[in-house]
């Protein structure tokens, strides 16, 4: 196992517990460290903490604050953090301020097998 400081750290914000668990397990199996949040407020709190976060993977539709707001918090609190958003709905156009930080908007359902490659590409891109 590589040293902890070389493992990419992903903040996963997803309100559906079953999907959050599936995504988390898939990313951990691929070698990522995952911090999970069940709503936007918890996601923003994680961004405000001192824990390492290299990439934000967030659902757009959340029960409190939406994924766009979580991404905006990531942009301001953690400049340079990569962002992938997920949605089960037709995505609306990205707010202009987020266009430079959002790597991709994933349409649900998506392939869990391809997710680690997408995360790696976002981190490298």
N, C-alpha and C. Protein backbone atom coordinates (compact mmCIF):
# COMPACT_ATOMS: atom_id res chain seq x y z
N UNK A 1 0.85 -1.19 0.00
CA UNK A 1 0.00 0.00 0.00
C UNK A 1 0.89 1.24 0.00
N UNK A 2 0.57 2.23 -0.87
CA UNK A 2 1.40 3.44 -0.92
C UNK A 2 1.27 4.26 0.36
N UNK A 3 2.25 5.11 0.63
CA UNK A 3 2.14 5.99 1.80
C UNK A 3 0.87 6.82 1.72
N UNK A 4 0.28 7.13 2.87
CA UNK A 4 -0.99 7.85 2.93
C UNK A 4 -0.92 9.19 2.20
N UNK A 5 0.21 9.89 2.25
CA UNK A 5 0.27 11.21 1.63
C UNK A 5 0.25 11.16 0.11
N UNK A 6 0.42 9.98 -0.51
CA UNK A 6 0.37 9.88 -1.96
C UNK A 6 -0.98 9.37 -2.46
N UNK A 7 -1.86 8.96 -1.56
CA UNK A 7 -3.18 8.47 -1.93
C UNK A 7 -4.09 9.67 -2.19
N UNK A 8 -4.73 9.73 -3.36
CA UNK A 8 -5.67 10.83 -3.60
C UNK A 8 -6.86 10.75 -2.65
N UNK A 9 -7.29 11.92 -2.14
CA UNK A 9 -8.40 12.01 -1.19
C UNK A 9 -9.61 12.63 -1.88
N UNK A 10 -10.73 11.91 -1.84
CA UNK A 10 -11.96 12.33 -2.49
C UNK A 10 -13.01 12.63 -1.43
N UNK A 11 -13.66 13.78 -1.55
CA UNK A 11 -14.82 14.11 -0.73
C UNK A 11 -16.04 13.75 -1.55
N UNK A 12 -16.80 12.76 -1.09
CA UNK A 12 -18.01 12.28 -1.76
C UNK A 12 -19.23 12.84 -1.05
N UNK A 13 -20.04 13.62 -1.77
CA UNK A 13 -21.26 14.21 -1.21
C UNK A 13 -22.44 13.62 -1.98
N UNK A 14 -23.18 12.75 -1.32
CA UNK A 14 -24.31 12.05 -1.94
C UNK A 14 -25.34 11.75 -0.85
N UNK A 15 -26.59 12.15 -1.08
CA UNK A 15 -27.62 11.94 -0.06
C UNK A 15 -28.24 10.55 -0.09
N UNK A 16 -28.15 9.84 -1.19
CA UNK A 16 -28.70 8.48 -1.27
C UNK A 16 -27.67 7.51 -0.68
N UNK A 17 -27.99 6.95 0.49
CA UNK A 17 -27.04 6.13 1.24
C UNK A 17 -26.52 4.94 0.43
N UNK A 18 -27.39 4.26 -0.29
CA UNK A 18 -26.97 3.08 -1.04
C UNK A 18 -25.97 3.45 -2.12
N UNK A 19 -26.26 4.50 -2.87
CA UNK A 19 -25.35 4.94 -3.92
C UNK A 19 -24.04 5.45 -3.33
N UNK A 20 -24.14 6.21 -2.23
CA UNK A 20 -22.93 6.72 -1.58
C UNK A 20 -22.03 5.56 -1.17
N UNK A 21 -22.61 4.50 -0.61
CA UNK A 21 -21.83 3.33 -0.19
C UNK A 21 -21.18 2.63 -1.38
N UNK A 22 -21.93 2.46 -2.47
CA UNK A 22 -21.39 1.82 -3.67
C UNK A 22 -20.21 2.61 -4.25
N UNK A 23 -20.40 3.91 -4.38
CA UNK A 23 -19.35 4.77 -4.95
C UNK A 23 -18.13 4.77 -4.02
N UNK A 24 -18.38 4.88 -2.73
CA UNK A 24 -17.27 4.91 -1.78
C UNK A 24 -16.47 3.61 -1.85
N UNK A 25 -17.15 2.48 -1.84
CA UNK A 25 -16.45 1.20 -1.91
C UNK A 25 -15.66 1.06 -3.20
N UNK A 26 -16.26 1.49 -4.33
CA UNK A 26 -15.56 1.41 -5.61
C UNK A 26 -14.30 2.25 -5.64
N UNK A 27 -14.39 3.45 -5.09
CA UNK A 27 -13.22 4.33 -5.06
C UNK A 27 -12.15 3.81 -4.10
N UNK A 28 -12.58 3.31 -2.94
CA UNK A 28 -11.62 2.76 -1.99
C UNK A 28 -10.93 1.52 -2.56
N UNK A 29 -11.69 0.67 -3.24
CA UNK A 29 -11.10 -0.51 -3.87
C UNK A 29 -10.07 -0.13 -4.93
N UNK A 30 -10.26 1.04 -5.55
CA UNK A 30 -9.33 1.53 -6.57
C UNK A 30 -8.14 2.27 -5.96
N UNK A 31 -8.11 2.39 -4.64
CA UNK A 31 -6.95 2.99 -3.98
C UNK A 31 -7.12 4.43 -3.53
N UNK A 32 -8.33 4.96 -3.61
CA UNK A 32 -8.57 6.32 -3.16
C UNK A 32 -8.98 6.34 -1.69
N UNK A 33 -8.66 7.41 -1.01
CA UNK A 33 -9.17 7.66 0.33
C UNK A 33 -10.45 8.48 0.16
N UNK A 34 -11.52 8.08 0.84
CA UNK A 34 -12.81 8.75 0.64
C UNK A 34 -13.36 9.26 1.96
N UNK A 35 -13.72 10.54 1.95
CA UNK A 35 -14.45 11.16 3.06
C UNK A 35 -15.87 11.30 2.55
N UNK A 36 -16.84 10.85 3.33
CA UNK A 36 -18.22 10.91 2.85
C UNK A 36 -19.04 11.95 3.59
N UNK A 37 -19.99 12.53 2.86
CA UNK A 37 -20.93 13.49 3.43
C UNK A 37 -22.29 13.17 2.86
N UNK A 38 -23.33 13.20 3.70
CA UNK A 38 -24.66 12.82 3.26
C UNK A 38 -25.52 14.00 2.81
N UNK A 39 -24.97 15.20 2.90
CA UNK A 39 -25.70 16.38 2.43
C UNK A 39 -24.70 17.50 2.15
N UNK A 40 -25.22 18.56 1.52
CA UNK A 40 -24.34 19.66 1.14
C UNK A 40 -23.71 20.38 2.31
N UNK A 41 -24.46 20.54 3.38
CA UNK A 41 -23.92 21.23 4.56
C UNK A 41 -22.73 20.47 5.13
N UNK A 42 -22.86 19.14 5.23
CA UNK A 42 -21.74 18.32 5.73
C UNK A 42 -20.55 18.38 4.77
N UNK A 43 -20.85 18.46 3.47
CA UNK A 43 -19.78 18.58 2.49
C UNK A 43 -19.01 19.88 2.65
N UNK A 44 -19.73 20.97 2.84
CA UNK A 44 -19.07 22.27 3.06
C UNK A 44 -18.27 22.24 4.35
N UNK A 45 -18.81 21.63 5.40
CA UNK A 45 -18.06 21.52 6.66
C UNK A 45 -16.76 20.75 6.46
N UNK A 46 -16.80 19.69 5.65
CA UNK A 46 -15.57 18.95 5.35
C UNK A 46 -14.58 19.83 4.61
N UNK A 47 -15.08 20.65 3.68
CA UNK A 47 -14.21 21.57 2.95
C UNK A 47 -13.60 22.62 3.87
N UNK A 48 -14.31 22.99 4.92
CA UNK A 48 -13.81 23.98 5.88
C UNK A 48 -12.83 23.37 6.87
N UNK A 49 -12.76 22.06 6.94
CA UNK A 49 -11.87 21.40 7.89
C UNK A 49 -10.44 21.41 7.36
N UNK A 50 -9.54 20.85 8.15
CA UNK A 50 -8.15 20.78 7.71
C UNK A 50 -7.80 19.43 7.08
N UNK A 51 -8.80 18.57 6.86
CA UNK A 51 -8.49 17.29 6.22
C UNK A 51 -8.16 17.48 4.75
N UNK A 52 -7.33 16.63 4.24
CA UNK A 52 -6.90 16.72 2.85
C UNK A 52 -8.04 16.33 1.93
N UNK A 53 -8.27 17.12 0.90
CA UNK A 53 -9.27 16.84 -0.13
C UNK A 53 -8.66 17.25 -1.47
N UNK A 54 -8.52 16.28 -2.36
CA UNK A 54 -7.97 16.56 -3.68
C UNK A 54 -9.06 16.73 -4.74
N UNK A 55 -10.21 16.07 -4.50
CA UNK A 55 -11.29 16.12 -5.48
C UNK A 55 -12.63 16.06 -4.76
N UNK A 56 -13.57 16.86 -5.23
CA UNK A 56 -14.94 16.84 -4.74
C UNK A 56 -15.78 16.10 -5.76
N UNK A 57 -16.50 15.07 -5.32
CA UNK A 57 -17.44 14.32 -6.14
C UNK A 57 -18.80 14.50 -5.48
N UNK A 58 -19.66 15.32 -6.09
CA UNK A 58 -20.91 15.70 -5.43
C UNK A 58 -22.11 15.53 -6.34
N UNK A 59 -23.19 15.03 -5.75
CA UNK A 59 -24.48 15.05 -6.42
C UNK A 59 -24.89 16.52 -6.55
N UNK A 60 -25.64 16.86 -7.58
CA UNK A 60 -26.11 18.23 -7.73
C UNK A 60 -27.36 18.45 -6.88
N UNK A 61 -28.30 17.53 -6.94
CA UNK A 61 -29.55 17.70 -6.19
C UNK A 61 -29.38 17.08 -4.81
N UNK A 62 -29.31 17.94 -3.82
CA UNK A 62 -29.15 17.54 -2.43
C UNK A 62 -30.29 18.16 -1.62
N UNK A 63 -30.62 17.59 -0.46
CA UNK A 63 -31.78 18.07 0.29
C UNK A 63 -31.62 19.45 0.93
N UNK A 64 -30.42 19.93 1.09
CA UNK A 64 -30.24 21.24 1.74
C UNK A 64 -29.65 22.23 0.74
N UNK A 65 -28.37 22.36 0.71
CA UNK A 65 -27.73 23.20 -0.32
C UNK A 65 -27.34 22.28 -1.47
N UNK A 66 -27.39 22.78 -2.69
CA UNK A 66 -27.16 21.90 -3.83
C UNK A 66 -25.67 21.74 -4.14
N UNK A 67 -25.40 20.83 -5.05
CA UNK A 67 -24.03 20.53 -5.42
C UNK A 67 -23.29 21.69 -6.05
N UNK A 68 -24.03 22.57 -6.73
CA UNK A 68 -23.38 23.76 -7.28
C UNK A 68 -22.84 24.63 -6.15
N UNK A 69 -23.62 24.76 -5.07
CA UNK A 69 -23.17 25.55 -3.93
C UNK A 69 -21.99 24.89 -3.22
N UNK A 70 -21.99 23.56 -3.16
CA UNK A 70 -20.85 22.85 -2.56
C UNK A 70 -19.61 23.07 -3.44
N UNK A 71 -19.79 23.00 -4.76
CA UNK A 71 -18.67 23.24 -5.68
C UNK A 71 -18.16 24.67 -5.56
N UNK A 72 -19.06 25.61 -5.39
CA UNK A 72 -18.64 27.01 -5.19
C UNK A 72 -17.84 27.15 -3.91
N UNK A 73 -18.27 26.46 -2.85
CA UNK A 73 -17.52 26.48 -1.59
C UNK A 73 -16.13 25.88 -1.81
N UNK A 74 -16.06 24.80 -2.57
CA UNK A 74 -14.75 24.19 -2.86
C UNK A 74 -13.86 25.16 -3.62
N UNK A 75 -14.46 25.88 -4.57
CA UNK A 75 -13.68 26.84 -5.38
C UNK A 75 -13.10 27.95 -4.52
N UNK A 76 -13.87 28.42 -3.54
CA UNK A 76 -13.39 29.53 -2.72
C UNK A 76 -12.55 29.06 -1.53
N UNK A 77 -12.93 27.93 -0.93
CA UNK A 77 -12.20 27.46 0.26
C UNK A 77 -10.93 26.68 -0.09
N UNK A 78 -10.95 26.03 -1.23
CA UNK A 78 -9.84 25.17 -1.62
C UNK A 78 -9.50 25.40 -3.09
N UNK A 79 -8.92 26.53 -3.40
CA UNK A 79 -8.56 26.79 -4.80
C UNK A 79 -7.71 25.65 -5.36
N UNK A 80 -8.04 25.23 -6.54
CA UNK A 80 -7.29 24.16 -7.17
C UNK A 80 -7.88 22.78 -6.98
N UNK A 81 -8.87 22.64 -6.09
CA UNK A 81 -9.49 21.33 -5.91
C UNK A 81 -10.27 21.01 -7.18
N UNK A 82 -10.22 19.76 -7.60
CA UNK A 82 -10.95 19.31 -8.78
C UNK A 82 -12.37 18.96 -8.38
N UNK A 83 -13.33 19.08 -9.31
CA UNK A 83 -14.73 18.83 -9.01
C UNK A 83 -15.36 17.99 -10.12
N UNK A 84 -16.07 16.95 -9.70
CA UNK A 84 -16.94 16.18 -10.59
C UNK A 84 -18.32 16.22 -9.96
N UNK A 85 -19.32 16.62 -10.75
CA UNK A 85 -20.69 16.65 -10.27
C UNK A 85 -21.47 15.49 -10.87
N UNK A 86 -22.47 15.01 -10.14
CA UNK A 86 -23.31 13.90 -10.59
C UNK A 86 -24.77 14.36 -10.56
N UNK A 87 -25.57 13.85 -11.51
CA UNK A 87 -26.99 14.18 -11.50
C UNK A 87 -27.79 13.08 -12.17
N UNK A 88 -28.99 12.88 -11.65
CA UNK A 88 -29.94 11.97 -12.26
C UNK A 88 -30.92 12.72 -13.13
N UNK A 89 -30.77 14.02 -13.21
CA UNK A 89 -31.66 14.89 -13.99
C UNK A 89 -30.89 15.48 -15.15
N UNK A 90 -31.61 16.09 -16.05
CA UNK A 90 -30.93 16.80 -17.13
C UNK A 90 -30.16 17.96 -16.49
N UNK A 91 -28.83 17.99 -16.66
CA UNK A 91 -28.07 19.06 -16.00
C UNK A 91 -28.35 20.42 -16.64
N UNK A 92 -28.46 21.40 -15.77
CA UNK A 92 -28.60 22.76 -16.27
C UNK A 92 -27.19 23.28 -16.56
N UNK A 93 -27.09 24.34 -17.32
CA UNK A 93 -25.76 24.89 -17.62
C UNK A 93 -25.02 25.24 -16.33
N UNK A 94 -23.73 25.00 -16.34
CA UNK A 94 -22.91 25.34 -15.17
C UNK A 94 -22.89 26.84 -14.97
N UNK A 95 -22.97 27.27 -13.71
CA UNK A 95 -22.76 28.70 -13.45
C UNK A 95 -21.37 29.11 -13.95
N UNK A 96 -21.25 30.30 -14.52
CA UNK A 96 -19.96 30.73 -15.08
C UNK A 96 -18.78 30.58 -14.12
N UNK A 97 -18.96 30.86 -12.85
CA UNK A 97 -17.85 30.79 -11.89
C UNK A 97 -17.34 29.36 -11.70
N UNK A 98 -18.17 28.37 -12.04
CA UNK A 98 -17.77 26.97 -11.83
C UNK A 98 -17.17 26.32 -13.06
N UNK A 99 -17.27 26.97 -14.19
CA UNK A 99 -16.80 26.34 -15.44
C UNK A 99 -15.32 25.99 -15.40
N UNK A 100 -14.54 26.73 -14.66
CA UNK A 100 -13.11 26.46 -14.61
C UNK A 100 -12.74 25.38 -13.59
N UNK A 101 -13.65 25.02 -12.69
CA UNK A 101 -13.31 24.02 -11.67
C UNK A 101 -14.01 22.69 -11.86
N UNK A 102 -15.15 22.67 -12.57
CA UNK A 102 -15.87 21.41 -12.76
C UNK A 102 -15.27 20.68 -13.94
N UNK A 103 -14.71 19.51 -13.65
CA UNK A 103 -14.08 18.70 -14.69
C UNK A 103 -15.15 18.04 -15.56
N UNK A 104 -16.21 17.56 -14.91
CA UNK A 104 -17.22 16.82 -15.65
C UNK A 104 -18.51 16.76 -14.85
N UNK A 105 -19.64 16.67 -15.56
CA UNK A 105 -20.92 16.38 -14.94
C UNK A 105 -21.33 14.99 -15.41
N UNK A 106 -21.40 14.06 -14.45
CA UNK A 106 -21.77 12.68 -14.74
C UNK A 106 -23.27 12.51 -14.69
N UNK A 107 -23.81 11.88 -15.70
CA UNK A 107 -25.24 11.58 -15.73
C UNK A 107 -25.46 10.23 -15.04
N UNK A 108 -26.33 10.19 -14.03
CA UNK A 108 -26.69 8.93 -13.38
C UNK A 108 -27.72 8.22 -14.24
N UNK A 109 -27.70 6.91 -14.33
CA UNK A 109 -26.67 6.04 -13.75
C UNK A 109 -25.40 6.06 -14.60
N UNK A 110 -24.28 5.85 -13.96
CA UNK A 110 -23.00 5.80 -14.66
C UNK A 110 -22.30 4.51 -14.26
N UNK A 111 -21.27 4.17 -14.98
CA UNK A 111 -20.53 2.94 -14.72
C UNK A 111 -19.59 3.12 -13.53
N UNK A 112 -19.82 2.33 -12.50
CA UNK A 112 -18.93 2.40 -11.34
C UNK A 112 -17.53 1.93 -11.69
N UNK A 113 -17.43 1.05 -12.69
CA UNK A 113 -16.12 0.56 -13.11
C UNK A 113 -15.28 1.66 -13.75
N UNK A 114 -15.92 2.61 -14.42
CA UNK A 114 -15.17 3.68 -15.09
C UNK A 114 -14.91 4.89 -14.18
N UNK A 115 -15.58 4.94 -13.03
CA UNK A 115 -15.43 6.11 -12.15
C UNK A 115 -14.00 6.34 -11.67
N UNK A 116 -13.27 5.32 -11.23
CA UNK A 116 -11.88 5.59 -10.81
C UNK A 116 -11.03 6.22 -11.91
N UNK A 117 -11.24 5.79 -13.16
CA UNK A 117 -10.48 6.39 -14.27
C UNK A 117 -10.86 7.85 -14.47
N UNK A 118 -12.16 8.17 -14.31
CA UNK A 118 -12.60 9.56 -14.45
C UNK A 118 -12.01 10.43 -13.34
N UNK A 119 -11.97 9.89 -12.12
CA UNK A 119 -11.40 10.63 -11.01
C UNK A 119 -9.91 10.87 -11.25
N UNK A 120 -9.22 9.83 -11.70
CA UNK A 120 -7.78 9.98 -11.98
C UNK A 120 -7.56 11.01 -13.08
N UNK A 121 -8.37 10.98 -14.13
CA UNK A 121 -8.23 11.95 -15.22
C UNK A 121 -8.47 13.37 -14.72
N UNK A 122 -9.47 13.53 -13.86
CA UNK A 122 -9.74 14.87 -13.30
C UNK A 122 -8.57 15.35 -12.46
N UNK A 123 -8.00 14.48 -11.68
CA UNK A 123 -6.87 14.86 -10.82
C UNK A 123 -5.63 15.21 -11.65
N UNK A 124 -5.47 14.54 -12.78
CA UNK A 124 -4.31 14.79 -13.63
C UNK A 124 -4.53 15.95 -14.58
N UNK A 125 -5.80 16.30 -14.84
CA UNK A 125 -6.13 17.29 -15.87
C UNK A 125 -6.24 18.65 -15.41
